[in-house]
Every structure is written in structure tokens, then in C-alpha cells.
Amino acid sequence: MSTDINALEKRIETLEAKNAFQDDVIEQLNQEISIHQASIAELKENMQLIANRLKDSSPSTILKPEEEPPPPHY
């Protein structure tokens, strides 16, 4: 009977140690995710700024069909 209790205590201690380790890993992963989310948000903002600057900086070199000059044979 005593050996059964000792075996159960060891199993519980092992489970508690694994649980503590998993909690630590989960917390580290949450911190990494937060860092990556902030980086992604900053990159999206920068991309939007670049896209806006490109739109504002130079007119498009592609003409609309009605603005195209007629072909040379006309």
C-alpha cells in the first residue's frame, strides 16, 4: 500500500513539473506572438504609407483607353 502511495506521489510530482514547464512555454510563446503582432501591424502601416506616397507622387503612365492616341496607320 505504501509503495502505491509513493508511486502516485511521484506521478503527481512529475505531472506538476510538466504542467509548470508547459505554463512557462505558453507564456514565452504569448510574448513572442505579441512581438510579432506589433511588427506585423507596423509593417502594414508602413506598406500603406508607401502605397499612398506612390499614388500621390507620380501620375500613372498608363493611359485610359479613351486617352490613347490613335495607332500610326490612321
N, C-alpha and C. Protein backbone atom coordinates (compact mmCIF):
# COMPACT_ATOMS: atom_id res chain seq x y z
N MET A 1 0.82 -1.19 0.00
CA MET A 1 0.00 0.00 0.00
C MET A 1 0.86 1.25 0.00
N SER A 2 1.92 1.23 0.78
CA SER A 2 2.82 2.38 0.87
C SER A 2 3.52 2.64 -0.45
N THR A 3 3.85 1.57 -1.16
CA THR A 3 4.51 1.75 -2.46
C THR A 3 3.57 2.35 -3.48
N ASP A 4 2.28 2.00 -3.38
CA ASP A 4 1.29 2.59 -4.28
C ASP A 4 1.17 4.09 -4.06
N ILE A 5 1.17 4.50 -2.81
CA ILE A 5 1.07 5.93 -2.48
C ILE A 5 2.32 6.65 -2.96
N ASN A 6 3.47 6.05 -2.75
CA ASN A 6 4.72 6.67 -3.21
C ASN A 6 4.74 6.79 -4.73
N ALA A 7 4.27 5.77 -5.41
CA ALA A 7 4.24 5.80 -6.87
C ALA A 7 3.29 6.90 -7.35
N LEU A 8 2.14 7.00 -6.69
CA LEU A 8 1.18 8.05 -7.06
C LEU A 8 1.76 9.44 -6.79
N GLU A 9 2.45 9.60 -5.67
CA GLU A 9 3.06 10.89 -5.35
C GLU A 9 4.10 11.27 -6.40
N LYS A 10 4.90 10.31 -6.83
CA LYS A 10 5.90 10.59 -7.86
C LYS A 10 5.23 10.97 -9.18
N ARG A 11 4.16 10.27 -9.53
CA ARG A 11 3.44 10.59 -10.76
C ARG A 11 2.84 11.99 -10.69
N ILE A 12 2.30 12.34 -9.53
CA ILE A 12 1.72 13.68 -9.36
C ILE A 12 2.81 14.75 -9.46
N GLU A 13 3.95 14.49 -8.83
CA GLU A 13 5.07 15.44 -8.90
C GLU A 13 5.54 15.61 -10.35
N THR A 14 5.59 14.50 -11.07
CA THR A 14 6.00 14.57 -12.48
C THR A 14 5.00 15.39 -13.29
N LEU A 15 3.73 15.16 -13.06
CA LEU A 15 2.69 15.92 -13.76
C LEU A 15 2.75 17.40 -13.40
N GLU A 16 2.99 17.72 -12.14
CA GLU A 16 3.10 19.11 -11.72
C GLU A 16 4.30 19.78 -12.38
N ALA A 17 5.41 19.07 -12.48
CA ALA A 17 6.61 19.63 -13.11
C ALA A 17 6.35 19.88 -14.60
N LYS A 18 5.71 18.93 -15.26
CA LYS A 18 5.37 19.11 -16.68
C LYS A 18 4.42 20.28 -16.86
N ASN A 19 3.46 20.40 -15.97
CA ASN A 19 2.49 21.49 -16.05
C ASN A 19 3.19 22.84 -15.88
N ALA A 20 4.10 22.93 -14.93
CA ALA A 20 4.84 24.18 -14.71
C ALA A 20 5.68 24.52 -15.93
N PHE A 21 6.31 23.52 -16.52
CA PHE A 21 7.11 23.74 -17.72
C PHE A 21 6.23 24.22 -18.87
N GLN A 22 5.09 23.59 -19.04
CA GLN A 22 4.17 23.99 -20.12
C GLN A 22 3.65 25.41 -19.91
N ASP A 23 3.37 25.77 -18.68
CA ASP A 23 2.93 27.14 -18.39
C ASP A 23 4.00 28.15 -18.79
N ASP A 24 5.24 27.82 -18.49
CA ASP A 24 6.35 28.71 -18.85
C ASP A 24 6.48 28.84 -20.36
N VAL A 25 6.39 27.73 -21.06
CA VAL A 25 6.49 27.75 -22.52
C VAL A 25 5.34 28.54 -23.13
N ILE A 26 4.15 28.36 -22.62
CA ILE A 26 2.98 29.09 -23.12
C ILE A 26 3.17 30.59 -22.92
N GLU A 27 3.68 30.99 -21.78
CA GLU A 27 3.92 32.42 -21.52
C GLU A 27 4.97 32.97 -22.49
N GLN A 28 6.03 32.23 -22.75
CA GLN A 28 7.05 32.67 -23.70
C GLN A 28 6.46 32.80 -25.11
N LEU A 29 5.63 31.85 -25.50
CA LEU A 29 5.01 31.91 -26.82
C LEU A 29 4.05 33.10 -26.93
N ASN A 30 3.32 33.38 -25.87
CA ASN A 30 2.44 34.54 -25.88
C ASN A 30 3.22 35.84 -26.06
N GLN A 31 4.37 35.93 -25.39
CA GLN A 31 5.21 37.12 -25.55
C GLN A 31 5.71 37.24 -26.98
N GLU A 32 6.13 36.12 -27.57
CA GLU A 32 6.61 36.14 -28.95
C GLU A 32 5.49 36.55 -29.91
N ILE A 33 4.30 36.03 -29.69
CA ILE A 33 3.16 36.38 -30.54
C ILE A 33 2.87 37.87 -30.45
N SER A 34 2.93 38.42 -29.25
CA SER A 34 2.69 39.85 -29.07
C SER A 34 3.72 40.67 -29.84
N ILE A 35 4.97 40.27 -29.78
CA ILE A 35 6.03 40.97 -30.50
C ILE A 35 5.79 40.89 -32.00
N HIS A 36 5.44 39.72 -32.49
CA HIS A 36 5.20 39.54 -33.93
C HIS A 36 3.97 40.31 -34.40
N GLN A 37 2.93 40.34 -33.58
CA GLN A 37 1.74 41.09 -33.95
C GLN A 37 2.05 42.59 -34.06
N ALA A 38 2.86 43.10 -33.15
CA ALA A 38 3.24 44.51 -33.21
C ALA A 38 4.07 44.77 -34.46
N SER A 39 4.98 43.87 -34.80
CA SER A 39 5.79 44.03 -36.00
C SER A 39 4.94 44.00 -37.26
N ILE A 40 3.99 43.09 -37.30
CA ILE A 40 3.10 42.98 -38.47
C ILE A 40 2.27 44.25 -38.61
N ALA A 41 1.76 44.76 -37.50
CA ALA A 41 0.96 45.99 -37.56
C ALA A 41 1.80 47.15 -38.08
N GLU A 42 3.04 47.25 -37.62
CA GLU A 42 3.93 48.32 -38.08
C GLU A 42 4.24 48.16 -39.57
N LEU A 43 4.48 46.94 -40.02
CA LEU A 43 4.75 46.70 -41.43
C LEU A 43 3.54 47.05 -42.30
N LYS A 44 2.35 46.70 -41.83
CA LYS A 44 1.14 47.04 -42.58
C LYS A 44 0.99 48.56 -42.70
N GLU A 45 1.26 49.25 -41.61
CA GLU A 45 1.17 50.71 -41.62
C GLU A 45 2.19 51.30 -42.60
N ASN A 46 3.40 50.78 -42.57
CA ASN A 46 4.44 51.26 -43.49
C ASN A 46 4.06 50.98 -44.95
N MET A 47 3.50 49.82 -45.21
CA MET A 47 3.08 49.49 -46.57
C MET A 47 1.99 50.45 -47.04
N GLN A 48 1.07 50.78 -46.16
CA GLN A 48 0.00 51.71 -46.51
C GLN A 48 0.57 53.09 -46.81
N LEU A 49 1.53 53.53 -46.01
CA LEU A 49 2.17 54.82 -46.25
C LEU A 49 2.88 54.84 -47.60
N ILE A 50 3.59 53.76 -47.90
CA ILE A 50 4.30 53.67 -49.18
C ILE A 50 3.31 53.68 -50.34
N ALA A 51 2.24 52.93 -50.20
CA ALA A 51 1.23 52.89 -51.26
C ALA A 51 0.62 54.27 -51.48
N ASN A 52 0.33 54.97 -50.40
CA ASN A 52 -0.23 56.32 -50.51
C ASN A 52 0.76 57.28 -51.16
N ARG A 53 2.02 57.18 -50.79
CA ARG A 53 3.04 58.05 -51.39
C ARG A 53 3.18 57.78 -52.88
N LEU A 54 3.13 56.51 -53.26
CA LEU A 54 3.23 56.18 -54.68
C LEU A 54 2.05 56.73 -55.45
N LYS A 55 0.88 56.65 -54.89
CA LYS A 55 -0.31 57.18 -55.56
C LYS A 55 -0.21 58.69 -55.72
N ASP A 56 0.30 59.36 -54.70
CA ASP A 56 0.34 60.82 -54.70
C ASP A 56 1.53 61.39 -55.48
N SER A 57 2.61 60.64 -55.58
CA SER A 57 3.84 61.20 -56.11
C SER A 57 3.88 61.35 -57.62
N SER A 58 3.44 60.37 -58.35
CA SER A 58 3.55 60.47 -59.80
C SER A 58 2.26 60.01 -60.46
N PRO A 59 1.88 60.71 -61.51
CA PRO A 59 0.69 60.24 -62.23
C PRO A 59 0.99 58.94 -62.94
N SER A 60 -0.03 58.23 -63.18
CA SER A 60 0.12 56.93 -63.84
C SER A 60 0.60 57.12 -65.27
N THR A 61 1.51 56.27 -65.69
CA THR A 61 1.99 56.33 -67.08
C THR A 61 1.09 55.54 -68.01
N ILE A 62 0.16 54.83 -67.47
CA ILE A 62 -0.78 54.05 -68.29
C ILE A 62 -1.99 54.93 -68.57
N LEU A 63 -2.27 55.12 -69.84
CA LEU A 63 -3.40 55.95 -70.24
C LEU A 63 -4.68 55.13 -70.28
N LYS A 64 -5.78 55.82 -70.06
CA LYS A 64 -7.07 55.18 -70.19
C LYS A 64 -7.33 54.96 -71.67
N PRO A 65 -8.15 54.00 -72.04
CA PRO A 65 -8.38 53.73 -73.47
C PRO A 65 -8.83 54.96 -74.25
N GLU A 66 -9.66 55.82 -73.66
CA GLU A 66 -10.13 57.00 -74.39
C GLU A 66 -9.03 58.05 -74.53
N GLU A 67 -7.98 57.96 -73.73
CA GLU A 67 -6.88 58.92 -73.83
C GLU A 67 -5.76 58.44 -74.75
N GLU A 68 -5.80 57.19 -75.15
CA GLU A 68 -4.76 56.64 -76.02
C GLU A 68 -4.77 57.35 -77.38
N PRO A 69 -3.60 57.70 -77.89
CA PRO A 69 -3.56 58.27 -79.24
C PRO A 69 -3.89 57.18 -80.27
N PRO A 70 -4.41 57.56 -81.39
CA PRO A 70 -4.73 56.54 -82.39
C PRO A 70 -3.46 55.89 -82.91
N PRO A 71 -3.57 54.66 -83.40
CA PRO A 71 -2.40 53.99 -83.97
C PRO A 71 -1.86 54.79 -85.16
N PRO A 72 -0.59 54.62 -85.53
CA PRO A 72 0.03 55.42 -86.57
C PRO A 72 -0.61 55.26 -87.96
N HIS A 73 -1.26 54.20 -88.26
CA HIS A 73 -1.80 53.99 -89.60
C HIS A 73 -3.10 54.75 -89.83
N TYR A 74 -3.61 55.48 -88.86
CA TYR A 74 -4.84 56.26 -89.04
C TYR A 74 -4.52 57.65 -89.49
